[in-house]
Protein backbone atom coordinates (compact mmCIF):
# COMPACT_ATOMS: atom_id res chain seq x y z
CA MET A 1 2.35 -64.20 -68.38
CA LEU A 2 0.43 -61.10 -67.36
CA ALA A 3 1.57 -61.47 -63.74
CA GLN A 4 5.21 -61.73 -64.79
CA ARG A 5 4.90 -58.59 -66.88
CA LEU A 6 3.42 -56.67 -63.97
CA ARG A 7 6.33 -57.67 -61.70
CA GLN A 8 8.88 -56.29 -64.19
CA PRO A 9 9.77 -52.61 -63.79
CA LEU A 10 8.58 -50.19 -66.38
CA PRO A 11 11.13 -48.93 -68.86
CA GLY A 12 12.93 -45.85 -67.52
CA ALA A 13 11.47 -46.18 -63.98
CA GLN A 14 13.78 -45.55 -60.99
CA PRO A 15 13.62 -47.51 -57.74
CA ARG A 16 11.95 -45.61 -54.85
CA LEU A 17 14.17 -44.54 -52.00
CA ARG A 18 13.17 -45.68 -48.52
CA PHE A 19 14.05 -43.63 -45.48
CA GLU A 20 13.96 -45.73 -42.35
CA MET A 21 15.08 -45.05 -38.80
CA PRO A 22 17.97 -47.29 -37.78
CA PRO A 23 17.07 -50.04 -35.34
CA GLU A 24 17.39 -49.36 -31.64
CA TYR A 25 20.17 -51.08 -29.87
CA THR A 26 21.36 -51.71 -26.36
CA ARG A 27 25.00 -51.12 -25.59
CA GLN A 28 26.48 -54.52 -24.89
CA ASP A 29 30.18 -53.84 -24.98
CA GLY A 30 32.01 -51.84 -22.41
CA ASN A 31 33.74 -49.44 -24.77
CA GLY A 32 30.56 -47.99 -26.30
CA GLY A 33 29.38 -48.14 -29.89
CA GLY A 34 31.68 -46.96 -32.64
CA GLU A 35 33.42 -47.97 -35.78
CA ASP A 36 35.40 -50.69 -34.04
CA SER A 37 32.47 -52.16 -32.15
CA GLY A 38 30.39 -52.66 -35.23
CA VAL A 39 27.34 -51.09 -33.57
CA GLN A 40 25.60 -48.35 -35.46
CA PRO A 41 24.86 -45.13 -33.52
CA GLN A 42 21.23 -44.56 -32.48
CA PHE A 43 19.33 -41.46 -33.68
CA GLY A 44 17.93 -39.39 -30.81
CA SER A 45 20.33 -40.74 -28.20
CA PRO A 46 21.27 -38.20 -25.51
CA GLY A 47 24.41 -36.29 -26.24
CA PRO A 48 26.89 -34.92 -23.75
CA ARG A 49 25.40 -32.52 -21.18
CA ILE A 50 27.10 -29.37 -19.98
CA SER A 51 28.11 -29.42 -16.34
CA PRO A 52 26.39 -26.94 -13.98
CA GLN A 53 29.88 -25.93 -12.89
CA HIS A 54 30.96 -25.04 -16.40
CA PRO A 55 31.89 -21.33 -16.73
CA LEU A 56 29.65 -20.95 -19.79
CA TYR A 57 26.66 -22.39 -17.94
CA LEU A 58 27.30 -20.25 -14.87
CA GLY A 59 27.72 -17.11 -16.94
CA PHE A 60 24.55 -17.71 -18.95
CA MET A 61 22.37 -18.50 -15.95
CA GLY A 62 23.83 -15.54 -14.02
CA THR A 63 22.99 -13.24 -16.92
CA VAL A 64 19.45 -14.59 -17.06
CA GLY A 65 19.05 -14.08 -13.31
CA VAL A 66 20.28 -10.50 -13.46
CA GLY A 67 17.96 -9.81 -16.40
CA LEU A 68 14.96 -11.19 -14.52
CA ALA A 69 15.87 -9.14 -11.45
CA LEU A 70 16.12 -5.97 -13.54
CA LEU A 71 12.76 -6.79 -15.17
CA VAL A 72 11.10 -7.22 -11.77
CA TYR A 73 12.66 -3.96 -10.55
CA TRP A 74 11.45 -2.11 -13.65
CA ILE A 75 7.92 -3.47 -13.25
CA GLY A 76 7.86 -2.61 -9.54
CA SER A 77 9.22 0.91 -10.05
CA ASN A 78 6.64 1.66 -12.73
CA THR A 79 3.69 0.21 -10.78
CA THR A 80 4.49 1.63 -7.33
CA GLN A 81 1.21 3.50 -7.08
CA LEU A 82 -0.78 0.42 -8.06
CA LEU A 83 1.08 -1.71 -5.52
CA LEU A 84 0.32 0.83 -2.79
CA TRP A 85 -3.35 0.78 -3.75
CA ILE A 86 -3.36 -3.03 -3.59
CA VAL A 87 -1.68 -3.04 -0.17
CA ALA A 88 -4.13 -0.45 1.15
CA ALA A 89 -7.12 -2.38 -0.22
CA LEU A 90 -5.86 -5.66 1.25
CA PHE A 91 -5.28 -3.95 4.60
CA ILE A 92 -8.85 -2.60 4.58
CA ALA A 93 -10.24 -5.99 3.54
CA LEU A 94 -8.43 -7.73 6.41
CA GLY A 95 -9.75 -5.05 8.75
CA LEU A 96 -13.34 -5.54 7.65
CA GLU A 97 -13.12 -9.34 7.69
CA PRO A 98 -13.78 -9.64 11.48
CA VAL A 99 -16.91 -7.51 11.06
CA VAL A 100 -18.14 -9.67 8.18
CA SER A 101 -17.38 -12.85 10.16
CA TRP A 102 -19.23 -11.45 13.17
CA LEU A 103 -22.26 -10.69 10.99
CA GLU A 104 -22.05 -14.21 9.51
CA GLY A 105 -22.17 -15.58 13.05
CA ARG A 106 -25.45 -13.68 13.49
CA LYS A 107 -27.02 -15.61 10.55
CA ILE A 108 -26.46 -12.75 8.10
CA PRO A 109 -25.31 -13.93 4.65
CA ARG A 110 -21.76 -13.00 3.72
CA PRO A 111 -22.77 -10.82 0.71
CA ALA A 112 -25.11 -8.81 2.95
CA GLY A 113 -22.38 -8.44 5.59
CA ILE A 114 -19.91 -7.25 2.97
CA LEU A 115 -22.46 -4.75 1.67
CA VAL A 116 -23.10 -3.36 5.16
CA SER A 117 -19.39 -3.08 5.99
CA VAL A 118 -18.44 -1.41 2.73
CA THR A 119 -21.43 0.95 2.98
CA VAL A 120 -20.29 2.15 6.40
CA LEU A 121 -16.75 2.65 5.09
CA VAL A 122 -17.92 4.55 2.01
CA SER A 123 -20.21 6.71 4.15
CA ALA A 124 -17.28 7.67 6.36
CA VAL A 125 -15.10 8.57 3.35
CA VAL A 126 -17.91 10.54 1.69
CA GLY A 127 -18.66 12.33 4.96
CA PHE A 128 -15.02 13.35 5.29
CA PHE A 129 -14.82 14.78 1.78
CA ALA A 130 -18.27 16.38 2.11
CA THR A 131 -17.01 18.21 5.18
CA LEU A 132 -13.56 18.97 3.84
CA ILE A 133 -14.39 20.39 0.41
CA PRO A 134 -17.00 23.01 1.49
CA THR A 135 -14.72 24.14 4.31
CA ILE A 136 -11.79 24.61 1.94
CA VAL A 137 -13.95 26.48 -0.55
CA GLU A 138 -15.32 28.71 2.21
CA GLN A 139 -11.88 29.50 3.59
CA VAL A 140 -10.40 30.24 0.15
CA THR A 141 -13.35 32.54 -0.61
CA GLN A 142 -12.86 34.42 2.65
CA ILE A 143 -9.15 34.80 1.98
CA VAL A 144 -9.79 36.13 -1.53
CA GLU A 145 -12.38 38.60 -0.21
CA GLN A 146 -10.23 39.79 2.70
CA ALA A 147 -6.91 39.94 0.84
CA PRO A 148 -7.48 43.46 -0.62
CA VAL A 149 -8.52 44.76 2.81
CA TRP A 150 -5.41 43.27 4.45
CA ILE A 151 -3.17 44.70 1.76
CA ARG A 152 -4.77 48.17 2.02
CA ASP A 153 -4.51 48.19 5.81
CA PHE A 154 -0.88 47.16 5.61
CA ILE A 155 -0.08 49.90 3.05
CA ASP A 156 -1.79 52.52 5.21
CA SER A 157 0.04 51.44 8.35
CA GLU A 158 2.82 53.51 9.92
CA PHE A 159 5.25 50.63 9.65
CA PHE A 160 4.92 50.41 5.87
CA ARG A 161 5.14 54.20 5.50
CA SER A 162 8.40 54.30 7.42
CA LEU A 163 9.82 51.51 5.28
CA ASP A 164 8.68 53.28 2.11
CA ASP A 165 10.33 56.53 3.18
CA GLN A 166 13.63 54.82 3.90
CA PHE A 167 13.90 52.18 1.17
CA GLY A 168 11.33 53.09 -1.48
CA VAL A 169 9.40 49.87 -0.97
CA ARG A 170 6.26 51.00 -2.81
CA GLU A 171 8.15 51.77 -6.02
CA ARG A 172 10.16 48.55 -5.79
CA VAL A 173 7.02 46.45 -5.25
CA THR A 174 5.29 48.13 -8.19
CA GLU A 175 8.22 47.35 -10.48
CA GLU A 176 8.33 43.70 -9.41
CA LEU A 177 4.59 43.31 -9.91
CA ASP A 178 4.84 44.77 -13.44
CA LYS A 179 7.66 42.38 -14.28
CA PHE A 180 5.73 39.45 -12.88
CA VAL A 181 2.53 40.29 -14.77
CA ASN A 182 4.39 40.82 -18.03
CA ASP A 183 6.45 37.61 -17.67
CA PRO A 184 4.77 34.73 -19.56
CA ALA A 185 6.85 32.14 -17.70
CA ALA A 186 5.63 33.38 -14.31
CA MET A 187 1.99 33.41 -15.39
CA GLY A 188 2.45 29.97 -16.90
CA GLY A 189 3.89 28.79 -13.59
CA ILE A 190 0.79 29.97 -11.75
CA PHE A 191 -1.44 28.23 -14.27
CA GLY A 192 0.67 25.09 -14.04
CA GLY A 193 0.43 25.14 -10.26
CA VAL A 194 -3.35 25.38 -10.39
CA VAL A 195 -3.51 22.55 -12.92
CA GLY A 196 -1.12 20.48 -10.83
CA PHE A 197 -3.24 20.96 -7.72
CA GLY A 198 -6.34 19.94 -9.66
CA SER A 199 -4.54 16.86 -10.98
CA THR A 200 -3.47 15.92 -7.46
CA VAL A 201 -7.04 16.19 -6.18
CA ALA A 202 -8.36 14.17 -9.14
CA ASN A 203 -5.71 11.47 -8.63
CA GLY A 204 -6.56 11.33 -4.94
CA LEU A 205 -10.25 10.82 -5.65
CA PHE A 206 -9.48 8.23 -8.33
CA GLY A 207 -7.12 6.39 -5.98
CA THR A 208 -9.75 6.38 -3.23
CA LEU A 209 -12.29 4.89 -5.64
CA ILE A 210 -9.82 2.23 -6.79
CA VAL A 211 -8.97 1.26 -3.20
CA LEU A 212 -12.65 0.96 -2.28
CA VAL A 213 -13.41 -1.21 -5.31
CA LEU A 214 -10.38 -3.43 -4.69
CA SER A 215 -11.34 -3.72 -1.02
CA LEU A 216 -14.79 -4.92 -2.05
CA TYR A 217 -13.36 -7.56 -4.38
CA PHE A 218 -10.73 -8.69 -1.86
CA LEU A 219 -13.33 -8.93 0.89
CA ALA A 220 -15.63 -11.01 -1.31
CA ALA A 221 -12.86 -13.34 -2.50
CA LEU A 222 -10.85 -13.54 0.74
CA PRO A 223 -11.89 -17.12 1.71
CA ALA A 224 -11.14 -18.39 -1.81
CA MET A 225 -7.83 -16.51 -1.86
CA LYS A 226 -6.83 -18.12 1.43
CA LYS A 227 -7.68 -21.63 0.23
CA TRP A 228 -5.80 -21.10 -3.02
CA GLY A 229 -2.78 -19.74 -1.17
CA TYR A 230 -2.72 -22.66 1.28
CA ARG A 231 -2.58 -25.14 -1.59
CA LEU A 232 0.71 -23.62 -2.72
CA ALA A 233 2.34 -25.07 0.38
CA PRO A 234 3.45 -28.74 0.52
CA ARG A 235 0.76 -31.08 1.75
CA SER A 236 2.83 -32.14 4.75
CA ARG A 237 3.12 -28.54 5.94
CA ARG A 238 -0.21 -27.20 4.71
CA HIS A 239 -1.95 -27.47 8.06
CA ARG A 240 0.83 -25.54 9.79
CA VAL A 241 0.88 -22.85 7.11
CA GLU A 242 -2.90 -22.48 7.38
CA ALA A 243 -2.77 -22.11 11.16
CA LEU A 244 -0.05 -19.44 11.02
CA SER A 245 -1.77 -17.56 8.20
CA GLU A 246 -5.09 -17.54 10.03
CA GLU A 247 -3.39 -16.24 13.16
CA ILE A 248 -1.69 -13.44 11.19
CA THR A 249 -4.86 -12.37 9.36
CA ARG A 250 -6.84 -12.51 12.60
CA SER A 251 -4.26 -10.32 14.33
CA VAL A 252 -4.27 -7.80 11.48
CA GLY A 253 -8.07 -7.66 11.40
CA ASN A 254 -8.36 -7.21 15.15
CA TYR A 255 -5.70 -4.50 15.06
CA VAL A 256 -7.53 -2.54 12.36
CA ILE A 257 -10.85 -2.80 14.18
CA GLY A 258 -9.27 -1.88 17.50
CA GLN A 259 -7.42 1.07 16.03
CA ALA A 260 -10.62 2.27 14.35
CA VAL A 261 -12.45 2.19 17.69
CA VAL A 262 -9.60 4.05 19.40
CA ALA A 263 -9.54 6.68 16.63
CA LEU A 264 -13.32 7.11 16.82
CA LEU A 265 -13.23 7.64 20.59
CA ASN A 266 -10.33 10.04 20.21
CA ALA A 267 -12.10 12.11 17.56
CA THR A 268 -15.36 12.13 19.53
CA PHE A 269 -13.65 13.44 22.66
CA ALA A 270 -11.76 16.06 20.63
CA PHE A 271 -14.96 17.22 18.93
CA ILE A 272 -16.76 17.61 22.26
CA VAL A 273 -13.92 19.65 23.76
CA MET A 274 -13.56 21.81 20.63
CA SER A 275 -17.30 22.50 20.59
CA ILE A 276 -17.27 23.53 24.27
CA VAL A 277 -14.18 25.72 23.94
CA GLY A 278 -15.37 27.26 20.67
CA ILE A 279 -12.56 26.23 18.34
CA PRO A 280 -13.55 26.87 14.68
CA PHE A 281 -14.10 24.04 12.21
CA ALA A 282 -14.60 21.50 14.98
CA LEU A 283 -16.16 18.86 12.71
CA LEU A 284 -13.40 19.07 10.11
CA LEU A 285 -10.71 18.96 12.77
CA ALA A 286 -12.43 15.93 14.32
CA PHE A 287 -12.06 14.11 10.98
CA VAL A 288 -8.39 15.10 10.92
CA VAL A 289 -7.93 13.81 14.46
CA ALA A 290 -9.58 10.50 13.53
CA LEU A 291 -7.28 10.05 10.52
CA LEU A 292 -4.15 10.91 12.47
CA ALA A 293 -5.21 8.71 15.40
CA PHE A 294 -4.99 5.71 13.08
CA ILE A 295 -1.22 6.17 13.15
CA PRO A 296 -0.10 4.30 16.28
CA LEU A 297 1.89 5.90 19.07
CA VAL A 298 2.52 9.29 17.44
CA GLY A 299 -0.79 9.96 15.64
CA GLY A 300 -2.63 11.27 18.69
CA MET A 301 0.25 13.59 19.59
CA ILE A 302 0.38 15.03 16.06
CA ALA A 303 -3.40 15.52 16.06
CA GLY A 304 -3.22 17.39 19.35
CA ILE A 305 -0.53 19.73 18.05
CA VAL A 306 -2.49 20.45 14.85
CA VAL A 307 -5.64 21.36 16.78
CA LEU A 308 -3.62 23.46 19.22
CA LEU A 309 -2.21 25.54 16.38
CA VAL A 310 -5.72 26.15 15.04
CA SER A 311 -7.08 26.95 18.52
CA LEU A 312 -4.50 29.73 18.93
CA THR A 313 -6.61 31.78 16.51
CA GLU A 314 -9.22 31.98 19.29
CA GLY A 315 -6.70 32.94 21.96
CA TRP A 316 -4.23 31.24 24.23
CA GLN A 317 -6.94 30.47 26.81
CA ALA A 318 -8.82 28.23 24.37
CA ALA A 319 -5.57 26.53 23.32
CA ALA A 320 -4.58 25.94 26.95
CA ILE A 321 -7.95 24.44 27.91
CA TYR A 322 -8.00 22.15 24.88
CA GLY A 323 -4.37 21.11 25.37
CA ILE A 324 -4.91 20.16 29.02
CA CYS A 325 -8.08 18.18 28.30
CA TYR A 326 -6.83 16.42 25.18
CA PHE A 327 -3.40 15.38 26.44
CA ALA A 328 -4.96 14.17 29.67
CA TYR A 329 -7.28 12.03 27.55
CA LEU A 330 -4.27 10.64 25.65
CA GLN A 331 -2.81 9.41 28.93
CA PHE A 332 -6.14 7.84 29.89
CA GLU A 333 -6.35 6.23 26.45
CA ALA A 334 -2.83 4.83 26.62
CA TYR A 335 -3.27 3.20 30.04
CA PHE A 336 -6.94 2.18 30.12
CA ILE A 337 -8.63 2.23 26.69
CA SER A 338 -6.03 0.87 24.25
CA PRO A 339 -4.91 -2.12 26.38
CA ARG A 340 -8.49 -3.35 26.72
CA ILE A 341 -9.38 -2.84 23.07
CA MET A 342 -6.10 -4.22 21.71
CA GLN A 343 -5.83 -7.23 24.01
CA LYS A 344 -7.03 -9.56 21.22
CA ALA A 345 -5.14 -7.83 18.46
CA VAL A 346 -1.36 -7.76 18.48
CA ALA A 347 1.28 -7.97 21.16
CA VAL A 348 4.33 -5.98 20.04
CA PRO A 349 6.97 -4.63 22.45
CA GLY A 350 7.08 -0.86 22.71
CA ALA A 351 10.57 -0.46 21.26
CA VAL A 352 9.72 -2.69 18.29
CA ALA A 353 6.50 -0.75 17.73
CA VAL A 354 8.30 2.62 17.67
CA ILE A 355 10.99 1.36 15.30
CA SER A 356 8.38 -0.25 13.05
CA VAL A 357 6.29 2.91 12.81
CA ILE A 358 9.32 5.06 11.99
CA ALA A 359 10.59 2.59 9.39
CA GLY A 360 7.16 2.14 7.82
CA GLY A 361 6.56 5.87 7.66
CA SER A 362 9.96 6.43 6.06
CA LEU A 363 9.33 3.79 3.39
CA LEU A 364 5.63 4.19 2.54
CA GLY A 365 4.49 7.34 4.33
CA VAL A 366 1.19 7.24 6.21
CA LEU A 367 0.26 3.83 4.77
CA GLY A 368 3.55 2.39 5.96
CA ALA A 369 3.00 3.77 9.46
CA LEU A 370 -0.48 2.23 9.54
CA ILE A 371 0.61 -1.27 8.54
CA ALA A 372 3.89 -1.18 10.48
CA ILE A 373 2.66 -2.71 13.73
CA PRO A 374 0.60 -5.55 12.13
CA THR A 375 3.62 -6.37 9.94
CA ALA A 376 5.90 -6.40 12.97
CA ALA A 377 3.42 -8.63 14.81
CA ALA A 378 3.34 -11.05 11.86
CA VAL A 379 7.14 -11.19 11.73
CA LEU A 380 7.38 -11.81 15.47
CA LEU A 381 4.77 -14.56 15.21
CA LEU A 382 6.69 -16.30 12.41
CA VAL A 383 9.95 -16.01 14.33
CA ARG A 384 8.37 -17.45 17.48
CA GLU A 385 6.50 -20.28 15.78
CA ILE A 386 9.12 -21.31 13.20
CA TYR A 387 12.64 -20.14 13.95
CA ILE A 388 12.59 -20.43 17.74
CA VAL A 389 10.84 -23.83 17.59
CA ARG A 390 13.47 -25.07 15.13
CA GLN A 391 16.28 -23.75 17.33
CA ASP A 392 14.81 -25.45 20.40
CA GLN A 393 14.89 -28.81 18.60
CA HIS A 394 18.69 -28.70 18.17
């Protein structure tokens, strides 16, 4: 009796609703499930898919692609300076890699080799700025001290007196100076120019520090970066990608080392000649020659012209002697020194090298001119090893 009472529902109780998923089914008829087939539709079954050729699909995906392209352009345009720093640091790291590898071959641990290489590089940069800054300060001080004397001598000269008698130059200059001094905008422009120059110097020093730090990190992580990059390629082509990448990085490294040796020899010869002839600021100009000599093909010519203009302050005889000696050395360098130093670096035809340097300089300035020839060599290597090989197979 008690069991029967328990089975009976309580007064006023409502039956509990049960929510169950409909049973899965397999389509057995040819006309699909529906009201006539007697087969209930299945929850979660795939619905109709839009065709990739549908105008709505094409329009949506095209809009997404354009949006992503604009986003990439916006990011690149707002991080141009950072990208240039990264490229410069990677270029330096690839240039120092042969030195580190050579030290590793002499049983020197890689961290110690990196430390030695970076120390030499930092010493060169510090030596350049340590020579440049005192020279600039000294020259500016001399100009400030001599400016009143030059102005007084010019005012007392017969030429200025004749101009003053004819056109009233003294009175006109006095009026313009009074207007300039009393004009807040003009004085603010001078102050802004000084601040802008200081900001440029500070940004240059900060950029140099960033490039050196990034070079250190890239140099330390270069083997791991290579291995990680090779794994992005398909396994069937990974060996080929690794061989081509190693050849490109080896060519870039040898080019940087070879160009550094050529620039060092160029600057050393220029310093010796300038010291013998008596050209002022020989050490500073030697640093300038070394920097310009890093630019292939045209760097040595530009360096020679710059030093010639400075040597004219000592007379045309000094300029003539330096010009003859230096440009004769450039011919010797082009035919005897560079071919022997660069024989393991890159092999780029002369016309391609000139076009590459001009294009790189137009796009990225000095940095573009420096990396133009290694980039051209890498492109030529890829064309020879991939495109030409593929064309020969057809």
